[in-house]
Amino acid sequence: MTPKRKAAAGGPHPETAPSLPQLCSEAADHVAHARLALYDESYDTDRALHHLDEAIDCLKRLLAHGRAAQTNGTHARLRSA
């Protein structure tokens, strides 16, 4: 069973969707935290899996955004910062 996602304090409100760079950054942060959990002295696999689940959630939101842009007739292109 996957833990339910909790709203982060100070994070984006549900009515305002995060931007694509924010989603990418959030996914990368979760992957980095997962690596730390695995390579730390404690070797916390549950914590690492939680962060990987959160990263996958971010990537799913990116995919949904891309699919929504395609069905609306606008092909959103990612621009480099």
C-alpha atoms as a PDB file:
ATOM      1  CA  MET A   1       0.000   0.000   0.000  1.00  0.00           C
ATOM      2  CA  THR A   2       1.385   3.371  -1.018  1.00  0.00           C
ATOM      3  CA  PRO A   3       1.221   6.154   1.585  1.00  0.00           C
ATOM      4  CA  LYS A   4      -1.105   9.021   0.719  1.00  0.00           C
ATOM      5  CA  ARG A   5       0.557  12.238  -0.298  1.00  0.00           C
ATOM      6  CA  LYS A   6       0.283  15.085   2.189  1.00  0.00           C
ATOM      7  CA  ALA A   7       0.288  18.742   1.240  1.00  0.00           C
ATOM      8  CA  ALA A   8       3.627  20.308   2.074  1.00  0.00           C
ATOM      9  CA  ALA A   9       3.577  23.349   4.294  1.00  0.00           C
ATOM     10  CA  GLY A  10       4.445  26.387   2.237  1.00  0.00           C
ATOM     11  CA  GLY A  11       4.089  24.399  -0.991  1.00  0.00           C
ATOM     12  CA  PRO A  12       1.891  25.216  -3.951  1.00  0.00           C
ATOM     13  CA  HIS A  13      -1.843  25.450  -3.326  1.00  0.00           C
ATOM     14  CA  PRO A  14      -4.077  22.857  -5.028  1.00  0.00           C
ATOM     15  CA  GLU A  15      -5.663  25.534  -7.223  1.00  0.00           C
ATOM     16  CA  THR A  16      -2.262  26.599  -8.614  1.00  0.00           C
ATOM     17  CA  ALA A  17      -0.422  23.871 -10.475  1.00  0.00           C
ATOM     18  CA  PRO A  18       3.379  23.886 -10.263  1.00  0.00           C
ATOM     19  CA  SER A  19       5.318  24.791 -13.380  1.00  0.00           C
ATOM     20  CA  LEU A  20       7.185  22.203 -15.424  1.00  0.00           C
ATOM     21  CA  PRO A  21      10.592  23.264 -14.042  1.00  0.00           C
ATOM     22  CA  GLN A  22       9.201  23.030 -10.508  1.00  0.00           C
ATOM     23  CA  LEU A  23       7.936  19.494 -11.162  1.00  0.00           C
ATOM     24  CA  CYS A  24      11.308  18.463 -12.609  1.00  0.00           C
ATOM     25  CA  SER A  25      13.133  19.979  -9.664  1.00  0.00           C
ATOM     26  CA  GLU A  26      10.803  18.280  -7.184  1.00  0.00           C
ATOM     27  CA  ALA A  27      11.317  14.899  -8.879  1.00  0.00           C
ATOM     28  CA  ALA A  28      15.097  15.365  -8.852  1.00  0.00           C
ATOM     29  CA  ASP A  29      15.019  16.324  -5.171  1.00  0.00           C
ATOM     30  CA  HIS A  30      13.086  13.177  -4.300  1.00  0.00           C
ATOM     31  CA  VAL A  31      15.542  10.992  -6.232  1.00  0.00           C
ATOM     32  CA  ALA A  32      18.437  12.678  -4.420  1.00  0.00           C
ATOM     33  CA  HIS A  33      16.764  12.062  -1.053  1.00  0.00           C
ATOM     34  CA  ALA A  34      16.193   8.416  -1.991  1.00  0.00           C
ATOM     35  CA  ARG A  35      19.881   8.022  -2.822  1.00  0.00           C
ATOM     36  CA  LEU A  36      20.848   9.563   0.493  1.00  0.00           C
ATOM     37  CA  ALA A  37      18.495   7.237   2.355  1.00  0.00           C
ATOM     38  CA  LEU A  38      20.090   4.220   0.693  1.00  0.00           C
ATOM     39  CA  TYR A  39      23.705   5.279   1.001  1.00  0.00           C
ATOM     40  CA  ASP A  40      23.419   6.790   4.465  1.00  0.00           C
ATOM     41  CA  GLU A  41      24.642   4.778   7.442  1.00  0.00           C
ATOM     42  CA  SER A  42      21.059   3.945   8.415  1.00  0.00           C
ATOM     43  CA  TYR A  43      20.190   2.372   5.015  1.00  0.00           C
ATOM     44  CA  ASP A  44      16.516   3.358   5.289  1.00  0.00           C
ATOM     45  CA  THR A  45      14.796   1.499   2.434  1.00  0.00           C
ATOM     46  CA  ASP A  46      11.286   2.579   3.459  1.00  0.00           C
ATOM     47  CA  ARG A  47      12.290   6.222   3.288  1.00  0.00           C
ATOM     48  CA  ALA A  48      14.016   5.676  -0.058  1.00  0.00           C
ATOM     49  CA  LEU A  49      10.927   3.975  -1.502  1.00  0.00           C
ATOM     50  CA  HIS A  50       8.737   6.805  -0.271  1.00  0.00           C
ATOM     51  CA  HIS A  51      10.932   9.355  -2.059  1.00  0.00           C
ATOM     52  CA  LEU A  52      10.984   7.263  -5.230  1.00  0.00           C
ATOM     53  CA  ASP A  53       7.176   7.057  -5.123  1.00  0.00           C
ATOM     54  CA  GLU A  54       7.026  10.842  -4.806  1.00  0.00           C
ATOM     55  CA  ALA A  55       9.429  11.246  -7.752  1.00  0.00           C
ATOM     56  CA  ILE A  56       7.263   8.924  -9.863  1.00  0.00           C
ATOM     57  CA  ASP A  57       4.222  11.007  -8.912  1.00  0.00           C
ATOM     58  CA  CYS A  58       6.003  14.141 -10.168  1.00  0.00           C
ATOM     59  CA  LEU A  59       6.858  12.416 -13.450  1.00  0.00           C
ATOM     60  CA  LYS A  60       3.249  11.273 -13.867  1.00  0.00           C
ATOM     61  CA  ARG A  61       2.119  14.874 -13.431  1.00  0.00           C
ATOM     62  CA  LEU A  62       4.634  15.932 -16.093  1.00  0.00           C
ATOM     63  CA  LEU A  63       3.271  13.289 -18.438  1.00  0.00           C
ATOM     64  CA  ALA A  64      -0.313  14.367 -17.771  1.00  0.00           C
ATOM     65  CA  HIS A  65       0.629  17.970 -18.491  1.00  0.00           C
ATOM     66  CA  GLY A  66       2.227  16.978 -21.792  1.00  0.00           C
ATOM     67  CA  ARG A  67      -0.751  14.888 -22.823  1.00  0.00           C
ATOM     68  CA  ALA A  68      -3.172  17.675 -21.905  1.00  0.00           C
ATOM     69  CA  ALA A  69      -1.168  20.129 -23.992  1.00  0.00           C
ATOM     70  CA  GLN A  70      -1.296  17.773 -26.988  1.00  0.00           C
ATOM     71  CA  THR A  71      -5.052  17.235 -26.774  1.00  0.00           C
ATOM     72  CA  ASN A  72      -5.640  20.988 -26.508  1.00  0.00           C
ATOM     73  CA  GLY A  73      -3.837  21.462 -29.809  1.00  0.00           C
ATOM     74  CA  THR A  74      -0.917  23.283 -28.287  1.00  0.00           C
ATOM     75  CA  HIS A  75       2.313  21.390 -28.314  1.00  0.00           C
ATOM     76  CA  ALA A  76       4.100  22.629 -25.226  1.00  0.00           C
ATOM     77  CA  ARG A  77       7.836  22.596 -25.638  1.00  0.00           C
ATOM     78  CA  LEU A  78      10.216  22.509 -22.737  1.00  0.00           C
ATOM     79  CA  ARG A  79      12.682  25.356 -22.806  1.00  0.00           C
ATOM     80  CA  SER A  80      16.039  25.341 -21.106  1.00  0.00           C
ATOM     81  CA  ALA A  81      16.509  27.776 -18.266  1.00  0.00           C
END
